[in-house]
Amino acid sequence: MEKYYIKLPNGRYQEVGYNVPDMCDGFYFTQRVGAGRRTTLVPYWAGRLQDLDEVLNVQKLVTIMQHDDNLCMFLREHIDAGNLKVFNISLNDFSLDILRFLYHTIIKEEI
């Protein structure tokens, strides 16, 4: 987040606001990997606009999210083998969409 100023005629600066890049509905999931950390933005996993009153089970959501890299590599193996073709979407976005579907259809029913 950056703070913005304008220069006044007397040479002083006056604060005018903030720039908040890449802020959206959702939360950031951070996990330790190897020698560092990995952060994933989880937008709109809480549900659609019509069911905002649903309870979000963050623990189960994070559990399923941890498999996004494994799913992405699994999809890559099948694409390289010629068993699967994916167009107009990145494998990462595709794997997140699959996990989102699984969360909304299977895991949420257990809550």
PDB file of N, CA and C in Angstrom:
ATOM      1  N   MET A   1       0.851  -1.161   0.000  1.00  0.00           N
ATOM      2  CA  MET A   1       0.000   0.000   0.000  1.00  0.00           C
ATOM      3  C   MET A   1       0.902   1.231   0.000  1.00  0.00           C
ATOM      4  N   GLU A   2       0.610   2.156  -0.889  1.00  0.00           N
ATOM      5  CA  GLU A   2       1.416   3.365  -1.006  1.00  0.00           C
ATOM      6  C   GLU A   2       0.602   4.581  -0.589  1.00  0.00           C
ATOM      7  N   LYS A   3       1.279   5.521   0.059  1.00  0.00           N
ATOM      8  CA  LYS A   3       0.639   6.765   0.462  1.00  0.00           C
ATOM      9  C   LYS A   3       0.996   7.827  -0.586  1.00  0.00           C
ATOM     10  N   TYR A   4       0.023   8.608  -1.030  1.00  0.00           N
ATOM     11  CA  TYR A   4       0.250   9.618  -2.049  1.00  0.00           C
ATOM     12  C   TYR A   4       0.164  11.027  -1.457  1.00  0.00           C
ATOM     13  N   TYR A   5       1.023  11.914  -1.982  1.00  0.00           N
ATOM     14  CA  TYR A   5       1.085  13.308  -1.540  1.00  0.00           C
ATOM     15  C   TYR A   5       1.034  14.216  -2.765  1.00  0.00           C
ATOM     16  N   ILE A   6       0.581  15.451  -2.569  1.00  0.00           N
ATOM     17  CA  ILE A   6       0.702  16.483  -3.600  1.00  0.00           C
ATOM     18  C   ILE A   6       1.573  17.598  -3.026  1.00  0.00           C
ATOM     19  N   LYS A   7       2.292  18.237  -3.923  1.00  0.00           N
ATOM     20  CA  LYS A   7       3.160  19.327  -3.494  1.00  0.00           C
ATOM     21  C   LYS A   7       2.370  20.632  -3.530  1.00  0.00           C
ATOM     22  N   LEU A   8       2.339  21.330  -2.422  1.00  0.00           N
ATOM     23  CA  LEU A   8       1.625  22.597  -2.306  1.00  0.00           C
ATOM     24  C   LEU A   8       2.510  23.736  -2.814  1.00  0.00           C
ATOM     25  N   PRO A   9       1.898  24.890  -3.143  1.00  0.00           N
ATOM     26  CA  PRO A   9       2.684  26.022  -3.650  1.00  0.00           C
ATOM     27  C   PRO A   9       3.782  26.490  -2.681  1.00  0.00           C
ATOM     28  N   ASN A  10       3.591  26.281  -1.400  1.00  0.00           N
ATOM     29  CA  ASN A  10       4.608  26.733  -0.444  1.00  0.00           C
ATOM     30  C   ASN A  10       5.755  25.727  -0.291  1.00  0.00           C
ATOM     31  N   GLY A  11       5.739  24.645  -1.103  1.00  0.00           N
ATOM     32  CA  GLY A  11       6.827  23.672  -1.071  1.00  0.00           C
ATOM     33  C   GLY A  11       6.603  22.502  -0.132  1.00  0.00           C
ATOM     34  N   ARG A  12       5.556  22.548   0.641  1.00  0.00           N
ATOM     35  CA  ARG A  12       5.246  21.448   1.557  1.00  0.00           C
ATOM     36  C   ARG A  12       4.405  20.396   0.836  1.00  0.00           C
ATOM     37  N   TYR A  13       4.340  19.215   1.411  1.00  0.00           N
ATOM     38  CA  TYR A  13       3.559  18.125   0.835  1.00  0.00           C
ATOM     39  C   TYR A  13       2.342  17.836   1.705  1.00  0.00           C
ATOM     40  N   GLN A  14       1.213  17.542   1.044  1.00  0.00           N
ATOM     41  CA  GLN A  14      -0.016  17.226   1.741  1.00  0.00           C
ATOM     42  C   GLN A  14      -0.463  15.817   1.330  1.00  0.00           C
ATOM     43  N   GLU A  15      -0.796  15.022   2.334  1.00  0.00           N
ATOM     44  CA  GLU A  15      -1.260  13.660   2.070  1.00  0.00           C
ATOM     45  C   GLU A  15      -2.621  13.707   1.381  1.00  0.00           C
ATOM     46  N   VAL A  16      -2.786  12.915   0.305  1.00  0.00           N
ATOM     47  CA  VAL A  16      -4.055  12.918  -0.425  1.00  0.00           C
ATOM     48  C   VAL A  16      -4.742  11.560  -0.443  1.00  0.00           C
ATOM     49  N   GLY A  17      -4.055  10.507  -0.061  1.00  0.00           N
ATOM     50  CA  GLY A  17      -4.729   9.203  -0.048  1.00  0.00           C
ATOM     51  C   GLY A  17      -3.766   8.048  -0.197  1.00  0.00           C
ATOM     52  N   TYR A  18      -4.364   6.899  -0.421  1.00  0.00           N
ATOM     53  CA  TYR A  18      -3.601   5.661  -0.524  1.00  0.00           C
ATOM     54  C   TYR A  18      -3.915   4.945  -1.822  1.00  0.00           C
ATOM     55  N   ASN A  19      -2.953   4.179  -2.303  1.00  0.00           N
ATOM     56  CA  ASN A  19      -3.157   3.277  -3.423  1.00  0.00           C
ATOM     57  C   ASN A  19      -3.168   1.869  -2.844  1.00  0.00           C
ATOM     58  N   VAL A  20      -4.239   1.125  -3.068  1.00  0.00           N
ATOM     59  CA  VAL A  20      -4.356  -0.227  -2.541  1.00  0.00           C
ATOM     60  C   VAL A  20      -4.450  -1.180  -3.726  1.00  0.00           C
ATOM     61  N   PRO A  21      -3.322  -1.703  -4.190  1.00  0.00           N
ATOM     62  CA  PRO A  21      -3.352  -2.575  -5.370  1.00  0.00           C
ATOM     63  C   PRO A  21      -3.779  -3.998  -5.021  1.00  0.00           C
ATOM     64  N   ASP A  22      -4.429  -4.639  -5.947  1.00  0.00           N
ATOM     65  CA  ASP A  22      -4.768  -6.057  -5.862  1.00  0.00           C
ATOM     66  C   ASP A  22      -5.550  -6.437  -4.605  1.00  0.00           C
ATOM     67  N   MET A  23      -6.426  -5.570  -4.161  1.00  0.00           N
ATOM     68  CA  MET A  23      -7.271  -5.921  -3.017  1.00  0.00           C
ATOM     69  C   MET A  23      -8.600  -6.423  -3.568  1.00  0.00           C
ATOM     70  N   CYS A  24      -9.011  -7.565  -3.109  1.00  0.00           N
ATOM     71  CA  CYS A  24     -10.290  -8.094  -3.571  1.00  0.00           C
ATOM     72  C   CYS A  24     -10.916  -8.897  -2.437  1.00  0.00           C
ATOM     73  N   ASP A  25     -12.115  -9.356  -2.653  1.00  0.00           N
ATOM     74  CA  ASP A  25     -12.804 -10.163  -1.650  1.00  0.00           C
ATOM     75  C   ASP A  25     -12.084 -11.494  -1.520  1.00  0.00           C
ATOM     76  N   GLY A  26     -11.742 -11.855  -0.324  1.00  0.00           N
ATOM     77  CA  GLY A  26     -11.045 -13.108  -0.097  1.00  0.00           C
ATOM     78  C   GLY A  26     -10.010 -12.932   0.990  1.00  0.00           C
ATOM     79  N   PHE A  27      -9.072 -13.854   1.060  1.00  0.00           N
ATOM     80  CA  PHE A  27      -8.005 -13.760   2.041  1.00  0.00           C
ATOM     81  C   PHE A  27      -6.743 -14.386   1.460  1.00  0.00           C
ATOM     82  N   TYR A  28      -5.623 -14.141   2.116  1.00  0.00           N
ATOM     83  CA  TYR A  28      -4.352 -14.708   1.688  1.00  0.00           C
ATOM     84  C   TYR A  28      -4.007 -15.901   2.568  1.00  0.00           C
ATOM     85  N   PHE A  29      -3.639 -16.997   1.938  1.00  0.00           N
ATOM     86  CA  PHE A  29      -3.215 -18.203   2.626  1.00  0.00           C
ATOM     87  C   PHE A  29      -1.707 -18.310   2.455  1.00  0.00           C
ATOM     88  N   THR A  30      -0.958 -18.314   3.563  1.00  0.00           N
ATOM     89  CA  THR A  30       0.503 -18.383   3.525  1.00  0.00           C
ATOM     90  C   THR A  30       0.949 -19.678   4.162  1.00  0.00           C
ATOM     91  N   GLN A  31       1.847 -20.380   3.463  1.00  0.00           N
ATOM     92  CA  GLN A  31       2.382 -21.614   4.018  1.00  0.00           C
ATOM     93  C   GLN A  31       3.887 -21.643   3.814  1.00  0.00           C
ATOM     94  N   ARG A  32       4.579 -22.344   4.696  1.00  0.00           N
ATOM     95  CA  ARG A  32       6.032 -22.479   4.576  1.00  0.00           C
ATOM     96  C   ARG A  32       6.344 -23.583   3.576  1.00  0.00           C
ATOM     97  N   VAL A  33       7.241 -23.270   2.649  1.00  0.00           N
ATOM     98  CA  VAL A  33       7.703 -24.253   1.660  1.00  0.00           C
ATOM     99  C   VAL A  33       9.207 -24.111   1.520  1.00  0.00           C
ATOM    100  N   GLY A  34       9.897 -25.225   1.523  1.00  0.00           N
ATOM    101  CA  GLY A  34      11.338 -25.210   1.326  1.00  0.00           C
ATOM    102  C   GLY A  34      12.034 -24.194   2.204  1.00  0.00           C
ATOM    103  N   ALA A  35      12.672 -23.229   1.558  1.00  0.00           N
ATOM    104  CA  ALA A  35      13.443 -22.223   2.285  1.00  0.00           C
ATOM    105  C   ALA A  35      12.683 -20.916   2.471  1.00  0.00           C
ATOM    106  N   GLY A  36      11.419 -20.897   2.143  1.00  0.00           N
ATOM    107  CA  GLY A  36      10.686 -19.633   2.254  1.00  0.00           C
ATOM    108  C   GLY A  36       9.210 -19.842   2.517  1.00  0.00           C
ATOM    109  N   ARG A  37       8.426 -18.903   1.991  1.00  0.00           N
ATOM    110  CA  ARG A  37       6.974 -18.947   2.156  1.00  0.00           C
ATOM    111  C   ARG A  37       6.300 -18.823   0.804  1.00  0.00           C
ATOM    112  N   ARG A  38       5.098 -19.340   0.750  1.00  0.00           N
ATOM    113  CA  ARG A  38       4.298 -19.244  -0.462  1.00  0.00           C
ATOM    114  C   ARG A  38       2.958 -18.657  -0.059  1.00  0.00           C
ATOM    115  N   THR A  39       2.517 -17.626  -0.771  1.00  0.00           N
ATOM    116  CA  THR A  39       1.257 -16.968  -0.464  1.00  0.00           C
ATOM    117  C   THR A  39       0.301 -17.129  -1.640  1.00  0.00           C
ATOM    118  N   THR A  40      -0.909 -17.540  -1.340  1.00  0.00           N
ATOM    119  CA  THR A  40      -1.929 -17.725  -2.366  1.00  0.00           C
ATOM    120  C   THR A  40      -3.135 -16.873  -2.012  1.00  0.00           C
ATOM    121  N   LEU A  41      -3.621 -16.123  -2.962  1.00  0.00           N
ATOM    122  CA  LEU A  41      -4.849 -15.353  -2.762  1.00  0.00           C
ATOM    123  C   LEU A  41      -6.039 -16.274  -2.999  1.00  0.00           C
ATOM    124  N   VAL A  42      -6.980 -16.264  -2.094  1.00  0.00           N
ATOM    125  CA  VAL A  42      -8.160 -17.115  -2.205  1.00  0.00           C
ATOM    126  C   VAL A  42      -9.383 -16.219  -2.374  1.00  0.00           C
ATOM    127  N   PRO A  43      -9.628 -15.723  -3.582  1.00  0.00           N
ATOM    128  CA  PRO A  43     -10.787 -14.847  -3.762  1.00  0.00           C
ATOM    129  C   PRO A  43     -12.069 -15.639  -3.963  1.00  0.00           C
ATOM    130  N   TYR A  44     -13.147 -15.144  -3.378  1.00  0.00           N
ATOM    131  CA  TYR A  44     -14.496 -15.650  -3.608  1.00  0.00           C
ATOM    132  C   TYR A  44     -14.688 -17.112  -3.225  1.00  0.00           C
ATOM    133  N   TRP A  45     -13.844 -17.652  -2.380  1.00  0.00           N
ATOM    134  CA  TRP A  45     -14.044 -19.033  -1.954  1.00  0.00           C
ATOM    135  C   TRP A  45     -15.135 -19.117  -0.908  1.00  0.00           C
ATOM    136  N   ALA A  46     -15.474 -18.013  -0.298  1.00  0.00           N
ATOM    137  CA  ALA A  46     -16.486 -18.033   0.765  1.00  0.00           C
ATOM    138  C   ALA A  46     -17.878 -18.301   0.220  1.00  0.00           C
ATOM    139  N   GLY A  47     -18.060 -18.182  -1.063  1.00  0.00           N
ATOM    140  CA  GLY A  47     -19.372 -18.453  -1.639  1.00  0.00           C
ATOM    141  C   GLY A  47     -19.772 -17.378  -2.616  1.00  0.00           C
ATOM    142  N   ARG A  48     -20.942 -17.544  -3.146  1.00  0.00           N
ATOM    143  CA  ARG A  48     -21.452 -16.573  -4.101  1.00  0.00           C
ATOM    144  C   ARG A  48     -22.216 -15.485  -3.364  1.00  0.00           C
ATOM    145  N   LEU A  49     -22.561 -14.432  -4.047  1.00  0.00           N
ATOM    146  CA  LEU A  49     -23.215 -13.295  -3.403  1.00  0.00           C
ATOM    147  C   LEU A  49     -24.538 -13.665  -2.747  1.00  0.00           C
ATOM    148  N   GLN A  50     -25.275 -14.611  -3.332  1.00  0.00           N
ATOM    149  CA  GLN A  50     -26.580 -14.941  -2.769  1.00  0.00           C
ATOM    150  C   GLN A  50     -26.481 -15.742  -1.476  1.00  0.00           C
ATOM    151  N   ASP A  51     -25.302 -16.366  -1.176  1.00  0.00           N
ATOM    152  CA  ASP A  51     -25.200 -17.103   0.071  1.00  0.00           C
ATOM    153  C   ASP A  51     -24.069 -16.577   0.943  1.00  0.00           C
ATOM    154  N   LEU A  52     -24.049 -15.275   1.150  1.00  0.00           N
ATOM    155  CA  LEU A  52     -23.031 -14.681   2.008  1.00  0.00           C
ATOM    156  C   LEU A  52     -23.217 -15.032   3.473  1.00  0.00           C
ATOM    157  N   ASP A  53     -24.387 -15.520   3.850  1.00  0.00           N
ATOM    158  CA  ASP A  53     -24.613 -15.865   5.243  1.00  0.00           C
ATOM    159  C   ASP A  53     -24.123 -17.272   5.585  1.00  0.00           C
ATOM    160  N   GLU A  54     -23.545 -17.991   4.607  1.00  0.00           N
ATOM    161  CA  GLU A  54     -23.019 -19.325   4.867  1.00  0.00           C
ATOM    162  C   GLU A  54     -21.814 -19.263   5.797  1.00  0.00           C
ATOM    163  N   VAL A  55     -21.632 -20.320   6.545  1.00  0.00           N
ATOM    164  CA  VAL A  55     -20.457 -20.430   7.402  1.00  0.00           C
ATOM    165  C   VAL A  55     -19.298 -20.937   6.561  1.00  0.00           C
ATOM    166  N   LEU A  56     -18.161 -20.291   6.669  1.00  0.00           N
ATOM    167  CA  LEU A  56     -16.969 -20.703   5.939  1.00  0.00           C
ATOM    168  C   LEU A  56     -16.087 -21.510   6.876  1.00  0.00           C
ATOM    169  N   ASN A  57     -15.842 -22.759   6.521  1.00  0.00           N
ATOM    170  CA  ASN A  57     -14.973 -23.613   7.318  1.00  0.00           C
ATOM    171  C   ASN A  57     -13.550 -23.425   6.791  1.00  0.00           C
ATOM    172  N   VAL A  58     -12.835 -22.486   7.380  1.00  0.00           N
ATOM    173  CA  VAL A  58     -11.503 -22.120   6.897  1.00  0.00           C
ATOM    174  C   VAL A  58     -10.540 -23.286   7.015  1.00  0.00           C
ATOM    175  N   GLN A  59     -10.666 -24.077   8.050  1.00  0.00           N
ATOM    176  CA  GLN A  59      -9.752 -25.196   8.246  1.00  0.00           C
ATOM    177  C   GLN A  59      -9.872 -26.207   7.098  1.00  0.00           C
ATOM    178  N   LYS A  60     -11.089 -26.549   6.719  1.00  0.00           N
ATOM    179  CA  LYS A  60     -11.280 -27.479   5.603  1.00  0.00           C
ATOM    180  C   LYS A  60     -10.897 -26.840   4.274  1.00  0.00           C
ATOM    181  N   LEU A  61     -11.152 -25.554   4.147  1.00  0.00           N
ATOM    182  CA  LEU A  61     -10.776 -24.845   2.934  1.00  0.00           C
ATOM    183  C   LEU A  61      -9.268 -24.846   2.744  1.00  0.00           C
ATOM    184  N   VAL A  62      -8.524 -24.568   3.792  1.00  0.00           N
ATOM    185  CA  VAL A  62      -7.068 -24.566   3.719  1.00  0.00           C
ATOM    186  C   VAL A  62      -6.551 -25.975   3.459  1.00  0.00           C
ATOM    187  N   THR A  63      -7.195 -26.977   4.028  1.00  0.00           N
ATOM    188  CA  THR A  63      -6.784 -28.354   3.799  1.00  0.00           C
ATOM    189  C   THR A  63      -6.869 -28.717   2.324  1.00  0.00           C
ATOM    190  N   ILE A  64      -7.945 -28.343   1.675  1.00  0.00           N
ATOM    191  CA  ILE A  64      -8.070 -28.669   0.253  1.00  0.00           C
ATOM    192  C   ILE A  64      -7.179 -27.778  -0.609  1.00  0.00           C
ATOM    193  N   MET A  65      -6.954 -26.546  -0.184  1.00  0.00           N
ATOM    194  CA  MET A  65      -6.109 -25.636  -0.963  1.00  0.00           C
ATOM    195  C   MET A  65      -4.662 -26.090  -1.027  1.00  0.00           C
ATOM    196  N   GLN A  66      -4.197 -26.809  -0.025  1.00  0.00           N
ATOM    197  CA  GLN A  66      -2.805 -27.230   0.003  1.00  0.00           C
ATOM    198  C   GLN A  66      -2.461 -28.182  -1.135  1.00  0.00           C
ATOM    199  N   HIS A  67      -3.461 -28.683  -1.819  1.00  0.00           N
ATOM    200  CA  HIS A  67      -3.224 -29.647  -2.888  1.00  0.00           C
ATOM    201  C   HIS A  67      -3.176 -29.000  -4.271  1.00  0.00           C
ATOM    202  N   ASP A  68      -3.180 -27.667  -4.361  1.00  0.00           N
ATOM    203  CA  ASP A  68      -3.241 -27.033  -5.679  1.00  0.00           C
ATOM    204  C   ASP A  68      -1.989 -27.307  -6.512  1.00  0.00           C
ATOM    205  N   ASP A  69      -0.806 -27.326  -5.899  1.00  0.00           N
ATOM    206  CA  ASP A  69       0.413 -27.628  -6.654  1.00  0.00           C
ATOM    207  C   ASP A  69       0.424 -29.072  -7.146  1.00  0.00           C
ATOM    208  N   ASN A  70       0.009 -29.991  -6.274  1.00  0.00           N
ATOM    209  CA  ASN A  70      -0.020 -31.408  -6.665  1.00  0.00           C
ATOM    210  C   ASN A  70      -1.004 -31.635  -7.804  1.00  0.00           C
ATOM    211  N   LEU A  71      -2.161 -31.001  -7.731  1.00  0.00           N
ATOM    212  CA  LEU A  71      -3.152 -31.131  -8.791  1.00  0.00           C
ATOM    213  C   LEU A  71      -2.637 -30.525 -10.090  1.00  0.00           C
ATOM    214  N   CYS A  72      -1.956 -29.397  -9.992  1.00  0.00           N
ATOM    215  CA  CYS A  72      -1.401 -28.747 -11.178  1.00  0.00           C
ATOM    216  C   CYS A  72      -0.354 -29.655 -11.847  1.00  0.00           C
ATOM    217  N   MET A  73       0.514 -30.288 -11.057  1.00  0.00           N
ATOM    218  CA  MET A  73       1.516 -31.201 -11.624  1.00  0.00           C
ATOM    219  C   MET A  73       0.854 -32.444 -12.213  1.00  0.00           C
ATOM    220  N   PHE A  74      -0.210 -32.927 -11.565  1.00  0.00           N
ATOM    221  CA  PHE A  74      -0.956 -34.071 -12.089  1.00  0.00           C
ATOM    222  C   PHE A  74      -1.561 -33.735 -13.456  1.00  0.00           C
ATOM    223  N   LEU A  75      -2.154 -32.553 -13.568  1.00  0.00           N
ATOM    224  CA  LEU A  75      -2.723 -32.119 -14.844  1.00  0.00           C
ATOM    225  C   LEU A  75      -1.634 -31.966 -15.897  1.00  0.00           C
ATOM    226  N   ARG A  76      -0.472 -31.432 -15.513  1.00  0.00           N
ATOM    227  CA  ARG A  76       0.642 -31.255 -16.446  1.00  0.00           C
ATOM    228  C   ARG A  76       1.114 -32.605 -16.983  1.00  0.00           C
ATOM    229  N   GLU A  77       1.189 -33.632 -16.128  1.00  0.00           N
ATOM    230  CA  GLU A  77       1.595 -34.972 -16.569  1.00  0.00           C
ATOM    231  C   GLU A  77       0.632 -35.510 -17.621  1.00  0.00           C
ATOM    232  N   HIS A  78      -0.674 -35.312 -17.407  1.00  0.00           N
ATOM    233  CA  HIS A  78      -1.662 -35.809 -18.356  1.00  0.00           C
ATOM    234  C   HIS A  78      -1.660 -35.008 -19.654  1.00  0.00           C
ATOM    235  N   ILE A  79      -1.363 -33.732 -19.572  1.00  0.00           N
ATOM    236  CA  ILE A  79      -1.261 -32.927 -20.793  1.00  0.00           C
ATOM    237  C   ILE A  79      -0.045 -33.357 -21.601  1.00  0.00           C
ATOM    238  N   ASP A  80       1.088 -33.572 -20.916  1.00  0.00           N
ATOM    239  CA  ASP A  80       2.308 -34.015 -21.597  1.00  0.00           C
ATOM    240  C   ASP A  80       2.143 -35.395 -22.213  1.00  0.00           C
ATOM    241  N   ALA A  81       1.348 -36.250 -21.582  1.00  0.00           N
ATOM    242  CA  ALA A  81       1.104 -37.599 -22.106  1.00  0.00           C
ATOM    243  C   ALA A  81       0.075 -37.600 -23.233  1.00  0.00           C
ATOM    244  N   GLY A  82      -0.581 -36.474 -23.469  1.00  0.00           N
ATOM    245  CA  GLY A  82      -1.571 -36.376 -24.533  1.00  0.00           C
ATOM    246  C   GLY A  82      -2.962 -36.814 -24.120  1.00  0.00           C
ATOM    247  N   ASN A  83      -3.187 -37.067 -22.835  1.00  0.00           N
ATOM    248  CA  ASN A  83      -4.493 -37.523 -22.364  1.00  0.00           C
ATOM    249  C   ASN A  83      -5.460 -36.379 -22.079  1.00  0.00           C
ATOM    250  N   LEU A  84      -4.963 -35.173 -22.012  1.00  0.00           N
ATOM    251  CA  LEU A  84      -5.781 -34.035 -21.619  1.00  0.00           C
ATOM    252  C   LEU A  84      -5.335 -32.809 -22.393  1.00  0.00           C
ATOM    253  N   LYS A  85      -6.287 -31.990 -22.804  1.00  0.00           N
ATOM    254  CA  LYS A  85      -5.981 -30.720 -23.467  1.00  0.00           C
ATOM    255  C   LYS A  85      -6.711 -29.608 -22.729  1.00  0.00           C
ATOM    256  N   VAL A  86      -5.979 -28.541 -22.441  1.00  0.00           N
ATOM    257  CA  VAL A  86      -6.552 -27.401 -21.738  1.00  0.00           C
ATOM    258  C   VAL A  86      -6.267 -26.157 -22.571  1.00  0.00           C
ATOM    259  N   PHE A  87      -7.310 -25.382 -22.866  1.00  0.00           N
ATOM    260  CA  PHE A  87      -7.165 -24.180 -23.680  1.00  0.00           C
ATOM    261  C   PHE A  87      -7.708 -22.973 -22.920  1.00  0.00           C
ATOM    262  N   ASN A  88      -7.105 -21.830 -23.156  1.00  0.00           N
ATOM    263  CA  ASN A  88      -7.594 -20.532 -22.677  1.00  0.00           C
ATOM    264  C   ASN A  88      -7.669 -20.390 -21.156  1.00  0.00           C
ATOM    265  N   ILE A  89      -6.901 -21.176 -20.423  1.00  0.00           N
ATOM    266  CA  ILE A  89      -6.842 -21.031 -18.973  1.00  0.00           C
ATOM    267  C   ILE A  89      -5.498 -21.599 -18.510  1.00  0.00           C
ATOM    268  N   SER A  90      -4.920 -20.962 -17.533  1.00  0.00           N
ATOM    269  CA  SER A  90      -3.654 -21.478 -17.009  1.00  0.00           C
ATOM    270  C   SER A  90      -3.937 -22.717 -16.162  1.00  0.00           C
ATOM    271  N   LEU A  91      -2.936 -23.575 -16.053  1.00  0.00           N
ATOM    272  CA  LEU A  91      -3.117 -24.781 -15.250  1.00  0.00           C
ATOM    273  C   LEU A  91      -3.353 -24.452 -13.786  1.00  0.00           C
ATOM    274  N   ASN A  92      -2.717 -23.400 -13.302  1.00  0.00           N
ATOM    275  CA  ASN A  92      -2.925 -22.999 -11.917  1.00  0.00           C
ATOM    276  C   ASN A  92      -4.380 -22.577 -11.695  1.00  0.00           C
ATOM    277  N   ASP A  93      -4.917 -21.733 -12.578  1.00  0.00           N
ATOM    278  CA  ASP A  93      -6.317 -21.314 -12.453  1.00  0.00           C
ATOM    279  C   ASP A  93      -7.272 -22.497 -12.592  1.00  0.00           C
ATOM    280  N   PHE A  94      -6.936 -23.415 -13.508  1.00  0.00           N
ATOM    281  CA  PHE A  94      -7.767 -24.598 -13.712  1.00  0.00           C
ATOM    282  C   PHE A  94      -7.781 -25.476 -12.465  1.00  0.00           C
ATOM    283  N   SER A  95      -6.607 -25.677 -11.860  1.00  0.00           N
ATOM    284  CA  SER A  95      -6.545 -26.507 -10.651  1.00  0.00           C
ATOM    285  C   SER A  95      -7.283 -25.829  -9.488  1.00  0.00           C
ATOM    286  N   LEU A  96      -7.171 -24.495  -9.369  1.00  0.00           N
ATOM    287  CA  LEU A  96      -7.910 -23.790  -8.318  1.00  0.00           C
ATOM    288  C   LEU A  96      -9.420 -23.880  -8.533  1.00  0.00           C
ATOM    289  N   ASP A  97      -9.851 -23.838  -9.795  1.00  0.00           N
ATOM    290  CA  ASP A  97     -11.279 -23.981 -10.084  1.00  0.00           C
ATOM    291  C   ASP A  97     -11.787 -25.374  -9.708  1.00  0.00           C
ATOM    292  N   ILE A  98     -10.967 -26.400  -9.975  1.00  0.00           N
ATOM    293  CA  ILE A  98     -11.356 -27.763  -9.594  1.00  0.00           C
ATOM    294  C   ILE A  98     -11.470 -27.876  -8.084  1.00  0.00           C
ATOM    295  N   LEU A  99     -10.490 -27.329  -7.355  1.00  0.00           N
ATOM    296  CA  LEU A  99     -10.527 -27.378  -5.893  1.00  0.00           C
ATOM    297  C   LEU A  99     -11.698 -26.574  -5.332  1.00  0.00           C
ATOM    298  N   ARG A 100     -12.001 -25.448  -5.964  1.00  0.00           N
ATOM    299  CA  ARG A 100     -13.151 -24.640  -5.543  1.00  0.00           C
ATOM    300  C   ARG A 100     -14.446 -25.439  -5.727  1.00  0.00           C
ATOM    301  N   PHE A 101     -14.548 -26.132  -6.858  1.00  0.00           N
ATOM    302  CA  PHE A 101     -15.720 -26.968  -7.110  1.00  0.00           C
ATOM    303  C   PHE A 101     -15.838 -28.063  -6.055  1.00  0.00           C
ATOM    304  N   LEU A 102     -14.720 -28.723  -5.751  1.00  0.00           N
ATOM    305  CA  LEU A 102     -14.742 -29.784  -4.749  1.00  0.00           C
ATOM    306  C   LEU A 102     -15.147 -29.242  -3.382  1.00  0.00           C
ATOM    307  N   TYR A 103     -14.640 -28.078  -3.032  1.00  0.00           N
ATOM    308  CA  TYR A 103     -15.001 -27.498  -1.743  1.00  0.00           C
ATOM    309  C   TYR A 103     -16.493 -27.208  -1.677  1.00  0.00           C
ATOM    310  N   HIS A 104     -17.029 -26.597  -2.735  1.00  0.00           N
ATOM    311  CA  HIS A 104     -18.440 -26.197  -2.715  1.00  0.00           C
ATOM    312  C   HIS A 104     -19.397 -27.377  -2.829  1.00  0.00           C
ATOM    313  N   THR A 105     -18.975 -28.484  -3.440  1.00  0.00           N
ATOM    314  CA  THR A 105     -19.901 -29.593  -3.631  1.00  0.00           C
ATOM    315  C   THR A 105     -19.737 -30.722  -2.630  1.00  0.00           C
ATOM    316  N   ILE A 106     -18.506 -31.022  -2.248  1.00  0.00           N
ATOM    317  CA  ILE A 106     -18.284 -32.183  -1.384  1.00  0.00           C
ATOM    318  C   ILE A 106     -18.028 -31.773   0.054  1.00  0.00           C
ATOM    319  N   ILE A 107     -17.044 -30.940   0.285  1.00  0.00           N
ATOM    320  CA  ILE A 107     -16.615 -30.630   1.642  1.00  0.00           C
ATOM    321  C   ILE A 107     -17.642 -29.795   2.378  1.00  0.00           C
ATOM    322  N   LYS A 108     -18.299 -28.870   1.719  1.00  0.00           N
ATOM    323  CA  LYS A 108     -19.279 -28.026   2.395  1.00  0.00           C
ATOM    324  C   LYS A 108     -20.481 -28.825   2.893  1.00  0.00           C
ATOM    325  N   GLU A 109     -20.772 -29.946   2.260  1.00  0.00           N
ATOM    326  CA  GLU A 109     -21.892 -30.782   2.693  1.00  0.00           C
ATOM    327  C   GLU A 109     -21.626 -31.413   4.056  1.00  0.00           C
ATOM    328  N   GLU A 110     -20.338 -31.562   4.410  1.00  0.00           N
ATOM    329  CA  GLU A 110     -19.985 -32.185   5.693  1.00  0.00           C
ATOM    330  C   GLU A 110     -20.130 -31.222   6.855  1.00  0.00           C
ATOM    331  N   ILE A 111     -20.240 -29.914   6.587  1.00  0.00           N
ATOM    332  CA  ILE A 111     -20.288 -28.910   7.657  1.00  0.00           C
ATOM    333  C   ILE A 111     -21.595 -28.997   8.410  1.00  0.00           C
TER     334      ILE A 111
END
